[in-house]
Amino acid sequence: GSCWHRCCPGRNNACWAPGTGRARCYCDSYCERTGDCCEDYRTTCRRAAVGCAVGPWGPWSGCSSPCGIGSKARSRQVTVPPRHGGEPCPDLKQRRGCLGEHPTCRTAK
């Protein structure tokens, strides 16, 4: 079967072509996981694939707890979304622990 003019992102059971015999072959990006891609899937569809691109990490937030154990967070934005079965986006948020040491913590004890 051929994916000529028929490439679909993600999992799409309607994105198929007649294969050998009565079998169907698929042209969605999920076919690489299931192993039922049409013969020309890689040359026809993967060429059009665009992987996700993200910007730089933003600054860490302040500690969520002014006194004691808390957490900080930071994020980044998608600059180019994935298309045509390209690489998915990596994590856009990160969190880490912190210890709040605001000057008022000492007097509050």
N, C-alpha and C. Protein backbone atom coordinates (compact mmCIF):
# COMPACT_ATOMS: atom_id res chain seq x y z
N GLY A 1 0.81 -1.19 0.00
CA GLY A 1 0.00 0.00 0.00
C GLY A 1 0.85 1.25 0.00
N SER A 2 0.25 2.36 -0.34
CA SER A 2 0.98 3.61 -0.45
C SER A 2 0.33 4.72 0.36
N CYS A 3 1.15 5.51 1.01
CA CYS A 3 0.67 6.67 1.78
C CYS A 3 0.66 7.94 0.94
N TRP A 4 0.83 7.83 -0.34
CA TRP A 4 0.89 9.01 -1.20
C TRP A 4 -0.28 9.94 -0.90
N HIS A 5 0.00 11.15 -0.51
CA HIS A 5 -1.00 12.20 -0.18
C HIS A 5 -1.90 11.82 0.99
N ARG A 6 -1.40 10.96 1.89
CA ARG A 6 -2.24 10.57 3.03
C ARG A 6 -1.38 10.28 4.24
N CYS A 7 -0.98 11.31 4.95
CA CYS A 7 -0.21 11.15 6.18
C CYS A 7 -0.97 11.84 7.30
N CYS A 8 -1.11 11.14 8.42
CA CYS A 8 -1.89 11.69 9.53
C CYS A 8 -1.06 11.67 10.82
N PRO A 9 -1.19 12.72 11.65
CA PRO A 9 -0.50 12.72 12.94
C PRO A 9 -1.26 11.87 13.95
N GLY A 10 -0.55 11.43 14.97
CA GLY A 10 -1.18 10.71 16.08
C GLY A 10 -1.74 9.36 15.67
N ARG A 11 -2.79 8.94 16.39
CA ARG A 11 -3.45 7.67 16.10
C ARG A 11 -4.76 7.96 15.39
N ASN A 12 -4.88 7.47 14.16
CA ASN A 12 -6.05 7.77 13.35
C ASN A 12 -6.38 6.53 12.52
N ASN A 13 -7.37 5.75 12.97
CA ASN A 13 -7.73 4.52 12.28
C ASN A 13 -8.34 4.74 10.90
N ALA A 14 -8.72 5.97 10.58
CA ALA A 14 -9.27 6.27 9.26
C ALA A 14 -8.16 6.58 8.25
N CYS A 15 -6.92 6.61 8.72
CA CYS A 15 -5.78 6.98 7.86
C CYS A 15 -5.08 5.69 7.38
N TRP A 16 -5.63 5.05 6.37
CA TRP A 16 -5.08 3.78 5.89
C TRP A 16 -5.14 3.71 4.37
N ALA A 17 -4.50 2.70 3.85
CA ALA A 17 -4.51 2.42 2.41
C ALA A 17 -4.63 0.91 2.24
N PRO A 18 -5.13 0.45 1.10
CA PRO A 18 -5.20 -1.00 0.88
C PRO A 18 -3.79 -1.58 0.84
N GLY A 19 -3.58 -2.63 1.61
CA GLY A 19 -2.28 -3.29 1.62
C GLY A 19 -2.32 -4.56 0.79
N THR A 20 -1.42 -5.47 1.09
CA THR A 20 -1.40 -6.73 0.36
C THR A 20 -2.57 -7.60 0.80
N GLY A 21 -3.15 -8.30 -0.15
CA GLY A 21 -4.33 -9.13 0.15
C GLY A 21 -5.48 -8.26 0.60
N ARG A 22 -6.10 -8.65 1.69
CA ARG A 22 -7.22 -7.86 2.23
C ARG A 22 -6.80 -6.98 3.39
N ALA A 23 -5.52 -7.04 3.73
CA ALA A 23 -5.02 -6.28 4.88
C ALA A 23 -4.94 -4.78 4.56
N ARG A 24 -5.03 -3.99 5.60
CA ARG A 24 -4.86 -2.54 5.48
C ARG A 24 -3.48 -2.20 6.00
N CYS A 25 -2.88 -1.18 5.42
CA CYS A 25 -1.66 -0.62 6.01
C CYS A 25 -2.01 0.81 6.39
N TYR A 26 -1.29 1.34 7.38
CA TYR A 26 -1.66 2.64 7.94
C TYR A 26 -0.61 3.72 7.66
N CYS A 27 -1.08 4.96 7.67
CA CYS A 27 -0.23 6.11 7.38
C CYS A 27 -0.29 7.15 8.50
N ASP A 28 -0.75 6.74 9.69
CA ASP A 28 -0.73 7.63 10.85
C ASP A 28 0.57 7.39 11.62
N SER A 29 1.01 8.37 12.36
CA SER A 29 2.31 8.24 13.04
C SER A 29 2.31 7.11 14.07
N TYR A 30 1.14 6.66 14.51
CA TYR A 30 1.06 5.57 15.49
C TYR A 30 1.45 4.23 14.87
N CYS A 31 1.40 4.13 13.54
CA CYS A 31 1.71 2.85 12.88
C CYS A 31 3.14 2.40 13.16
N GLU A 32 4.03 3.34 13.52
CA GLU A 32 5.40 2.93 13.83
C GLU A 32 5.43 2.12 15.13
N ARG A 33 4.53 2.40 16.04
CA ARG A 33 4.47 1.63 17.29
C ARG A 33 3.82 0.27 17.07
N THR A 34 2.80 0.23 16.23
CA THR A 34 2.06 -1.01 16.02
C THR A 34 2.66 -1.86 14.90
N GLY A 35 3.55 -1.30 14.10
CA GLY A 35 4.23 -2.06 13.06
C GLY A 35 3.38 -2.38 11.85
N ASP A 36 2.34 -1.59 11.60
CA ASP A 36 1.49 -1.86 10.45
C ASP A 36 1.48 -0.69 9.45
N CYS A 37 2.62 -0.03 9.29
CA CYS A 37 2.74 1.08 8.35
C CYS A 37 2.76 0.58 6.90
N CYS A 38 2.33 1.42 6.00
CA CYS A 38 2.48 1.13 4.58
C CYS A 38 3.96 1.16 4.22
N GLU A 39 4.32 0.51 3.13
CA GLU A 39 5.72 0.39 2.74
C GLU A 39 6.43 1.73 2.61
N ASP A 40 5.73 2.73 2.09
CA ASP A 40 6.38 4.03 1.84
C ASP A 40 6.13 5.05 2.96
N TYR A 41 5.66 4.60 4.13
CA TYR A 41 5.35 5.54 5.21
C TYR A 41 6.55 6.41 5.56
N ARG A 42 7.70 5.80 5.80
CA ARG A 42 8.88 6.58 6.21
C ARG A 42 9.28 7.60 5.15
N THR A 43 9.35 7.21 3.93
CA THR A 43 9.81 8.15 2.89
C THR A 43 8.75 9.21 2.58
N THR A 44 7.48 8.85 2.68
CA THR A 44 6.42 9.79 2.34
C THR A 44 6.03 10.69 3.51
N CYS A 45 5.85 10.10 4.68
CA CYS A 45 5.30 10.85 5.81
C CYS A 45 6.35 11.43 6.75
N ARG A 46 7.38 10.69 7.05
CA ARG A 46 8.38 11.18 8.00
C ARG A 46 9.14 12.39 7.45
N ARG A 47 9.21 12.50 6.15
CA ARG A 47 9.90 13.65 5.56
C ARG A 47 9.18 14.95 5.95
N ALA A 48 7.88 14.88 6.10
CA ALA A 48 7.09 16.07 6.44
C ALA A 48 7.02 16.30 7.95
N ALA A 49 7.58 15.38 8.74
CA ALA A 49 7.48 15.50 10.19
C ALA A 49 8.28 16.70 10.71
N VAL A 50 7.69 17.40 11.66
CA VAL A 50 8.34 18.53 12.32
C VAL A 50 8.31 18.27 13.81
N GLY A 51 9.48 18.18 14.42
CA GLY A 51 9.56 17.93 15.85
C GLY A 51 9.26 19.18 16.66
N CYS A 52 8.86 18.99 17.88
CA CYS A 52 8.57 20.11 18.78
C CYS A 52 9.86 20.87 19.11
N ALA A 53 9.74 22.16 19.20
CA ALA A 53 10.86 23.01 19.64
C ALA A 53 10.35 23.86 20.80
N VAL A 54 11.18 24.03 21.81
CA VAL A 54 10.79 24.82 22.98
C VAL A 54 11.81 25.93 23.22
N GLY A 55 11.36 26.97 23.89
CA GLY A 55 12.22 28.10 24.23
C GLY A 55 13.03 27.80 25.48
N PRO A 56 13.77 28.77 25.94
CA PRO A 56 14.60 28.58 27.14
C PRO A 56 13.73 28.54 28.40
N TRP A 57 14.30 27.97 29.45
CA TRP A 57 13.61 27.95 30.74
C TRP A 57 13.49 29.36 31.28
N GLY A 58 12.37 29.67 31.88
CA GLY A 58 12.19 30.95 32.56
C GLY A 58 12.86 30.89 33.91
N PRO A 59 12.81 31.98 34.66
CA PRO A 59 13.45 32.00 35.98
C PRO A 59 12.67 31.14 36.98
N TRP A 60 13.37 30.68 38.01
CA TRP A 60 12.70 29.94 39.08
C TRP A 60 11.83 30.90 39.87
N SER A 61 10.68 30.44 40.31
CA SER A 61 9.81 31.24 41.16
C SER A 61 10.43 31.30 42.55
N GLY A 62 9.85 32.15 43.40
CA GLY A 62 10.29 32.18 44.79
C GLY A 62 9.84 30.90 45.48
N CYS A 63 10.38 30.63 46.64
CA CYS A 63 10.00 29.45 47.40
C CYS A 63 8.54 29.58 47.86
N SER A 64 7.78 28.50 47.73
CA SER A 64 6.36 28.54 48.08
C SER A 64 6.13 28.70 49.58
N SER A 65 7.15 28.41 50.38
CA SER A 65 7.05 28.56 51.83
C SER A 65 8.09 29.57 52.29
N PRO A 66 7.68 30.66 52.95
CA PRO A 66 8.68 31.64 53.40
C PRO A 66 9.55 31.08 54.51
N CYS A 67 9.03 30.12 55.27
CA CYS A 67 9.78 29.51 56.37
C CYS A 67 9.65 27.99 56.25
N GLY A 68 10.74 27.32 56.09
CA GLY A 68 10.71 25.86 56.03
C GLY A 68 10.67 25.32 54.61
N ILE A 69 10.28 24.05 54.50
CA ILE A 69 10.33 23.33 53.22
C ILE A 69 9.20 23.76 52.30
N GLY A 70 9.55 24.04 51.05
CA GLY A 70 8.58 24.42 50.03
C GLY A 70 9.06 23.95 48.67
N SER A 71 8.58 24.60 47.63
CA SER A 71 9.02 24.25 46.28
C SER A 71 9.10 25.49 45.40
N LYS A 72 9.92 25.39 44.38
CA LYS A 72 10.07 26.42 43.35
C LYS A 72 9.66 25.80 42.03
N ALA A 73 9.23 26.64 41.09
CA ALA A 73 8.82 26.14 39.77
C ALA A 73 9.35 27.06 38.69
N ARG A 74 9.51 26.50 37.50
CA ARG A 74 9.84 27.29 36.33
C ARG A 74 9.19 26.63 35.12
N SER A 75 9.08 27.38 34.03
CA SER A 75 8.44 26.83 32.84
C SER A 75 9.09 27.39 31.58
N ARG A 76 8.71 26.79 30.47
CA ARG A 76 9.16 27.25 29.15
C ARG A 76 8.01 27.06 28.18
N GLN A 77 8.10 27.74 27.05
CA GLN A 77 7.01 27.74 26.08
C GLN A 77 7.37 26.93 24.84
N VAL A 78 6.35 26.42 24.18
CA VAL A 78 6.54 25.74 22.89
C VAL A 78 6.71 26.82 21.83
N THR A 79 7.79 26.74 21.05
CA THR A 79 8.00 27.70 19.96
C THR A 79 7.56 27.12 18.62
N VAL A 80 7.68 25.80 18.45
CA VAL A 80 7.20 25.13 17.24
C VAL A 80 6.49 23.85 17.68
N PRO A 81 5.16 23.78 17.50
CA PRO A 81 4.46 22.56 17.90
C PRO A 81 4.80 21.40 16.95
N PRO A 82 4.72 20.16 17.45
CA PRO A 82 5.02 19.03 16.57
C PRO A 82 3.94 18.87 15.51
N ARG A 83 4.35 18.46 14.33
CA ARG A 83 3.40 18.25 13.23
C ARG A 83 3.78 16.99 12.47
N HIS A 84 2.77 16.35 11.91
CA HIS A 84 2.95 15.19 11.03
C HIS A 84 3.75 14.07 11.68
N GLY A 85 3.50 13.82 12.95
CA GLY A 85 4.17 12.73 13.62
C GLY A 85 5.58 13.02 14.11
N GLY A 86 5.95 14.32 14.17
CA GLY A 86 7.28 14.69 14.66
C GLY A 86 7.42 14.44 16.14
N GLU A 87 8.64 14.61 16.66
CA GLU A 87 8.92 14.36 18.07
C GLU A 87 7.99 15.18 18.96
N PRO A 88 7.42 14.56 19.99
CA PRO A 88 6.55 15.30 20.91
C PRO A 88 7.35 16.29 21.76
N CYS A 89 6.64 17.19 22.40
CA CYS A 89 7.29 18.20 23.23
C CYS A 89 7.82 17.59 24.53
N PRO A 90 8.97 18.08 25.00
CA PRO A 90 9.49 17.65 26.30
C PRO A 90 8.70 18.35 27.40
N ASP A 91 9.03 18.07 28.65
CA ASP A 91 8.36 18.72 29.78
C ASP A 91 8.47 20.24 29.66
N LEU A 92 7.37 20.91 29.98
CA LEU A 92 7.34 22.37 29.91
C LEU A 92 7.42 23.01 31.29
N LYS A 93 7.30 22.19 32.34
CA LYS A 93 7.36 22.70 33.71
C LYS A 93 8.33 21.86 34.52
N GLN A 94 9.03 22.50 35.43
CA GLN A 94 9.92 21.82 36.36
C GLN A 94 9.64 22.34 37.76
N ARG A 95 9.83 21.47 38.74
CA ARG A 95 9.62 21.84 40.13
C ARG A 95 10.78 21.27 40.93
N ARG A 96 11.23 22.01 41.93
CA ARG A 96 12.28 21.50 42.83
C ARG A 96 12.03 22.02 44.23
N GLY A 97 12.60 21.32 45.18
CA GLY A 97 12.42 21.69 46.58
C GLY A 97 13.26 22.90 46.95
N CYS A 98 12.85 23.57 48.00
CA CYS A 98 13.62 24.72 48.50
C CYS A 98 13.35 24.87 50.00
N LEU A 99 14.13 25.68 50.62
CA LEU A 99 13.98 25.95 52.05
C LEU A 99 13.82 27.45 52.22
N GLY A 100 12.63 27.86 52.62
CA GLY A 100 12.37 29.28 52.81
C GLY A 100 13.15 29.82 53.99
N GLU A 101 13.86 30.92 53.78
CA GLU A 101 14.67 31.49 54.85
C GLU A 101 14.44 33.01 54.94
N HIS A 102 13.18 33.39 54.94
CA HIS A 102 12.83 34.80 55.06
C HIS A 102 13.30 35.31 56.42
N PRO A 103 13.76 36.57 56.52
CA PRO A 103 14.25 37.11 57.80
C PRO A 103 13.24 37.00 58.94
N THR A 104 11.96 37.04 58.65
CA THR A 104 10.95 36.96 59.73
C THR A 104 10.85 35.56 60.33
N CYS A 105 11.41 34.53 59.64
CA CYS A 105 11.32 33.16 60.15
C CYS A 105 12.01 33.03 61.51
N ARG A 106 13.13 33.70 61.68
CA ARG A 106 13.89 33.60 62.93
C ARG A 106 13.13 34.19 64.09
N THR A 107 12.44 35.29 63.85
CA THR A 107 11.69 35.94 64.94
C THR A 107 10.39 35.22 65.24
N ALA A 108 9.82 34.49 64.25
CA ALA A 108 8.57 33.79 64.45
C ALA A 108 8.73 32.60 65.38
N LYS A 109 9.95 32.06 65.50
CA LYS A 109 10.20 30.92 66.38
C LYS A 109 10.12 31.39 67.82
